[in-house]
Amino acid sequence: MHDNPADGYSWPTCAAGPDNGPRSHRLWAEELDRLICRPCEDKTARWLTELPALFRQLNTTATLMRGARRPGGTTSGSKTPPIPPRLDVLSLTAAGGVATRLRDIEDAWRKALGWTVAPWRGSPIQAVSEHVKFLTNNLPWAVSSYESIGQDIEDVRRLHAECTAAVANERRPGRVAIGRCPIALDNGTLCRTDLTATASSHRVRCTGCGTRWETLGEWKRLREQQDAVLREAAGVAA
């Protein structure tokens, strides 16, 4: 239990953000040499430990995003593929995302410790693992000595929540409209069935004529065919 404070004495409280618990919750007597309570430290350590796996799951969906790199370093070959980008995934996997946000925390800790700022470590997947390793190893120091640790814990909590939400959406993907089917039928008319796609699959199938598009090259041709139909329609209207 907490010791009873003397009159006029303000008992130290955990500096972690309100999402870890009430900001005003007091430290235990044996925690008075710390800035963060042990339960909040444990939760932060768990969030950090889970981030690399979450990032790897998000990064596998990058091949479906506009301008995203494939695992082998190649691109889709099309600046406007028919499947629209998931901006929430791109914001986490691209520059300024998970790796950058963890790097910024690490750099601040290194500066506070008087250590050399670490250089960029290869790919984002490699960097995330290295940043997490550093932050996890130095978390005991930060919760006891680093005055800005409360904000950093909130940043880690928010980052973990964003990644978890994005991954959960991949398990239950919604369908999005990607235009109409441009395939010409046997009678000379266009199919024009509304097409939909989901970021969890690389396959698109027209429910009207049954045509399938299953590769990045086929997606590119689908977009080109759709654009050609739109240009022709615009020419006729003019």
Protein backbone atom coordinates (compact mmCIF):
# COMPACT_ATOMS: atom_id res chain seq x y z
CA MET A 1 0.00 0.00 0.00
CA HIS A 2 1.00 3.64 -0.38
CA ASP A 3 2.53 5.39 2.58
CA ASN A 4 0.40 8.19 3.98
CA PRO A 5 1.90 11.51 2.84
CA ALA A 6 2.60 14.24 5.36
CA ASP A 7 0.49 17.38 5.30
CA GLY A 8 1.24 19.51 2.26
CA TYR A 9 3.28 16.79 0.58
CA SER A 10 2.41 15.96 -3.02
CA TRP A 11 2.94 12.26 -3.56
CA PRO A 12 4.86 11.43 -6.79
CA THR A 13 2.68 10.11 -9.63
CA CYS A 14 3.41 7.98 -12.67
CA ALA A 15 4.42 10.16 -15.63
CA ALA A 16 2.94 7.80 -18.22
CA GLY A 17 0.10 9.11 -20.39
CA PRO A 18 -3.59 8.83 -19.47
CA ASP A 19 -4.14 5.83 -21.78
CA ASN A 20 -1.91 3.76 -19.53
CA GLY A 21 -4.11 4.62 -16.56
CA PRO A 22 -5.16 7.75 -14.67
CA ARG A 23 -2.40 10.34 -14.90
CA SER A 24 -2.81 11.03 -11.19
CA HIS A 25 -2.22 7.46 -10.03
CA ARG A 26 0.47 7.40 -7.39
CA LEU A 27 3.72 5.55 -7.38
CA TRP A 28 4.19 2.93 -4.70
CA ALA A 29 6.65 3.62 -1.92
CA GLU A 30 9.18 1.23 -3.49
CA GLU A 31 8.80 3.07 -6.83
CA LEU A 32 9.80 6.51 -5.60
CA ASP A 33 13.14 6.30 -7.40
CA ARG A 34 11.26 5.96 -10.71
CA LEU A 35 9.32 8.26 -13.05
CA ILE A 36 7.08 5.47 -14.36
CA CYS A 37 5.31 2.74 -12.40
CA ARG A 38 6.23 -0.88 -13.07
CA PRO A 39 2.91 -1.87 -14.73
CA CYS A 40 3.30 0.95 -17.28
CA GLU A 41 6.90 -0.10 -17.90
CA ASP A 42 5.75 -3.69 -18.48
CA LYS A 43 3.10 -2.56 -20.97
CA THR A 44 5.60 -0.41 -22.82
CA ALA A 45 8.05 -3.31 -23.05
CA ARG A 46 5.27 -5.51 -24.47
CA TRP A 47 4.29 -2.90 -27.06
CA LEU A 48 7.91 -2.57 -28.17
CA THR A 49 8.37 -6.34 -28.37
CA GLU A 50 5.28 -6.70 -30.59
CA LEU A 51 6.12 -3.86 -32.99
CA PRO A 52 8.58 -5.73 -35.29
CA ALA A 53 6.08 -8.50 -36.04
CA LEU A 54 3.29 -5.99 -36.62
CA PHE A 55 5.54 -4.03 -38.97
CA ARG A 56 6.42 -7.14 -40.96
CA GLN A 57 2.72 -7.90 -41.42
CA LEU A 58 2.05 -4.37 -42.63
CA ASN A 59 5.04 -4.36 -44.95
CA THR A 60 3.78 -7.42 -46.85
CA THR A 61 0.76 -5.39 -47.99
CA ALA A 62 2.98 -2.67 -49.47
CA THR A 63 3.01 -4.40 -52.88
CA LEU A 64 -0.67 -3.44 -53.18
CA MET A 65 -0.04 0.23 -52.57
CA ARG A 66 0.59 2.97 -55.12
CA GLY A 67 4.32 3.54 -55.45
CA ALA A 68 5.20 1.00 -52.75
CA ARG A 69 8.22 -1.26 -53.11
CA ARG A 70 7.91 -4.99 -53.35
CA PRO A 71 9.97 -7.18 -50.99
CA GLY A 72 12.53 -7.76 -53.76
CA GLY A 73 13.05 -4.05 -54.31
CA THR A 74 11.01 -3.78 -57.54
CA THR A 75 7.93 -1.67 -58.08
CA SER A 76 4.55 -2.38 -59.57
CA GLY A 77 5.55 -0.73 -62.86
CA SER A 78 2.43 1.43 -62.80
CA LYS A 79 1.91 4.76 -61.11
CA THR A 80 -1.85 4.30 -61.12
CA PRO A 81 -2.76 0.65 -60.44
CA PRO A 82 -6.49 -0.04 -60.21
CA ILE A 83 -6.35 -0.92 -56.52
CA PRO A 84 -6.13 2.33 -54.51
CA PRO A 85 -3.51 2.71 -51.79
CA ARG A 86 -4.19 2.17 -48.12
CA LEU A 87 -2.88 5.41 -46.77
CA ASP A 88 -2.85 4.13 -43.19
CA VAL A 89 -0.46 1.34 -44.21
CA LEU A 90 1.71 3.63 -46.32
CA SER A 91 2.01 6.16 -43.52
CA LEU A 92 3.39 3.42 -41.26
CA THR A 93 5.69 1.61 -43.72
CA ALA A 94 7.04 4.54 -45.72
CA ALA A 95 9.44 7.31 -44.71
CA GLY A 96 8.19 9.02 -41.59
CA GLY A 97 6.47 5.85 -40.40
CA VAL A 98 7.30 3.25 -37.76
CA ALA A 99 11.06 3.17 -38.35
CA THR A 100 11.39 6.96 -38.36
CA ARG A 101 9.29 7.46 -35.25
CA LEU A 102 11.24 4.84 -33.30
CA ARG A 103 14.52 6.31 -34.55
CA ASP A 104 13.53 9.74 -33.25
CA ILE A 105 12.93 8.31 -29.77
CA GLU A 106 16.23 6.42 -29.86
CA ASP A 107 18.12 9.52 -31.01
CA ALA A 108 16.66 11.55 -28.13
CA TRP A 109 17.67 8.86 -25.62
CA ARG A 110 21.17 8.66 -27.06
CA LYS A 111 21.52 12.43 -26.80
CA ALA A 112 20.38 12.35 -23.17
CA LEU A 113 22.90 9.58 -22.45
CA GLY A 114 25.69 11.43 -24.23
CA TRP A 115 26.04 8.67 -26.81
CA THR A 116 26.63 8.95 -30.54
CA VAL A 117 23.47 9.09 -32.62
CA ALA A 118 23.12 5.79 -34.46
CA PRO A 119 23.13 5.81 -38.27
CA TRP A 120 20.30 4.44 -40.38
CA ARG A 121 20.35 0.65 -40.31
CA GLY A 122 19.50 -0.77 -43.72
CA SER A 123 15.90 -1.44 -44.68
CA PRO A 124 12.93 -0.30 -42.55
CA ILE A 125 12.35 -3.88 -41.37
CA GLN A 126 15.97 -4.12 -40.19
CA ALA A 127 15.81 -0.65 -38.66
CA VAL A 128 12.60 -1.30 -36.70
CA SER A 129 14.13 -4.38 -35.08
CA GLU A 130 17.31 -2.48 -34.17
CA HIS A 131 15.43 0.50 -32.75
CA VAL A 132 13.19 -1.79 -30.69
CA LYS A 133 16.22 -3.64 -29.36
CA PHE A 134 17.85 -0.40 -28.24
CA LEU A 135 14.68 1.00 -26.64
CA THR A 136 13.90 -2.26 -24.85
CA ASN A 137 17.44 -2.58 -23.49
CA ASN A 138 17.46 1.00 -22.24
CA LEU A 139 13.88 1.19 -20.99
CA PRO A 140 14.92 0.55 -17.35
CA TRP A 141 17.18 3.62 -17.51
CA ALA A 142 14.50 5.77 -19.18
CA VAL A 143 11.71 4.98 -16.70
CA SER A 144 14.00 6.00 -13.84
CA SER A 145 15.99 8.92 -15.24
CA TYR A 146 14.64 10.36 -18.51
CA GLU A 147 12.29 13.28 -17.90
CA SER A 148 10.51 13.00 -21.25
CA ILE A 149 9.76 9.29 -20.85
CA GLY A 150 6.03 9.92 -20.35
CA GLN A 151 5.67 11.42 -23.84
CA ASP A 152 7.80 8.68 -25.37
CA ILE A 153 5.63 5.99 -23.79
CA GLU A 154 2.56 7.70 -25.21
CA ASP A 155 4.23 7.78 -28.66
CA VAL A 156 5.02 4.05 -28.44
CA ARG A 157 1.47 3.29 -27.28
CA ARG A 158 -0.02 5.27 -30.16
CA LEU A 159 2.33 3.67 -32.70
CA HIS A 160 1.45 0.18 -31.46
CA ALA A 161 -2.27 1.03 -31.61
CA GLU A 162 -1.99 2.35 -35.18
CA CYS A 163 -0.13 -0.76 -36.35
CA THR A 164 -2.55 -3.09 -34.59
CA ALA A 165 -5.56 -1.34 -36.14
CA ALA A 166 -4.03 -1.46 -39.63
CA VAL A 167 -3.21 -5.17 -39.33
CA ALA A 168 -6.69 -5.96 -37.96
CA ASN A 169 -8.23 -4.25 -40.97
CA GLU A 170 -6.22 -6.56 -43.24
CA ARG A 171 -7.86 -9.55 -41.60
CA ARG A 172 -11.31 -8.12 -42.26
CA PRO A 173 -10.77 -6.14 -45.44
CA GLY A 174 -13.52 -4.06 -46.95
CA ARG A 175 -14.13 -3.88 -50.69
CA VAL A 176 -13.55 -0.72 -52.67
CA ALA A 177 -14.83 0.29 -56.09
CA ILE A 178 -12.13 0.39 -58.79
CA GLY A 179 -14.16 1.37 -61.83
CA ARG A 180 -16.15 -0.55 -64.42
CA CYS A 181 -15.18 -3.61 -66.44
CA PRO A 182 -13.82 -2.47 -69.86
CA ILE A 183 -14.10 -5.87 -71.59
CA ALA A 184 -15.96 -6.01 -74.91
CA LEU A 185 -18.64 -8.73 -75.04
CA ASP A 186 -19.48 -10.92 -78.05
CA ASN A 187 -22.27 -8.56 -79.10
CA GLY A 188 -19.83 -5.65 -79.31
CA THR A 189 -21.00 -3.84 -76.18
CA LEU A 190 -18.85 -3.25 -73.15
CA CYS A 191 -19.46 -5.27 -70.00
CA ARG A 192 -19.30 -2.21 -67.68
CA THR A 193 -19.95 -4.23 -64.54
CA ASP A 194 -18.79 -2.39 -61.42
CA LEU A 195 -15.50 -3.90 -60.23
CA THR A 196 -14.38 -4.09 -56.62
CA ALA A 197 -11.14 -5.14 -54.94
CA THR A 198 -9.75 -5.72 -51.49
CA ALA A 199 -6.21 -5.12 -50.22
CA SER A 200 -6.09 -8.66 -48.81
CA SER A 201 -6.05 -10.25 -52.28
CA HIS A 202 -4.17 -9.66 -55.52
CA ARG A 203 -7.09 -11.00 -57.58
CA VAL A 204 -9.91 -9.03 -59.19
CA ARG A 205 -12.81 -10.81 -60.86
CA CYS A 206 -15.66 -9.32 -62.86
CA THR A 207 -18.96 -10.79 -61.72
CA GLY A 208 -20.53 -9.90 -65.08
CA CYS A 209 -18.28 -11.45 -67.75
CA GLY A 210 -16.01 -13.48 -65.48
CA THR A 211 -12.75 -11.84 -66.61
CA ARG A 212 -9.94 -12.03 -64.05
CA TRP A 213 -6.94 -9.80 -63.35
CA GLU A 214 -4.44 -11.52 -61.07
CA THR A 215 -0.99 -9.94 -61.52
CA LEU A 216 0.48 -6.46 -61.37
CA GLY A 217 0.87 -6.50 -65.15
CA GLU A 218 -2.80 -7.41 -65.57
CA TRP A 219 -3.81 -4.64 -63.15
CA LYS A 220 -1.84 -2.21 -65.31
CA ARG A 221 -3.62 -3.40 -68.46
CA LEU A 222 -6.97 -3.12 -66.68
CA ARG A 223 -6.25 0.51 -65.82
CA GLU A 224 -5.11 1.23 -69.38
CA GLN A 225 -8.29 -0.32 -70.78
CA GLN A 226 -10.45 1.66 -68.35
CA ASP A 227 -8.64 4.88 -69.28
CA ALA A 228 -9.11 4.15 -72.99
CA VAL A 229 -12.86 3.69 -72.49
CA LEU A 230 -13.06 6.99 -70.61
CA ARG A 231 -11.10 8.83 -73.32
CA GLU A 232 -13.35 7.40 -76.03
CA ALA A 233 -16.46 8.36 -74.09
CA ALA A 234 -15.11 11.87 -73.59
CA GLY A 235 -14.37 12.16 -77.31
CA VAL A 236 -17.88 11.11 -78.23
CA ALA A 237 -19.35 13.57 -75.74
CA ALA A 238 -17.26 16.39 -77.19
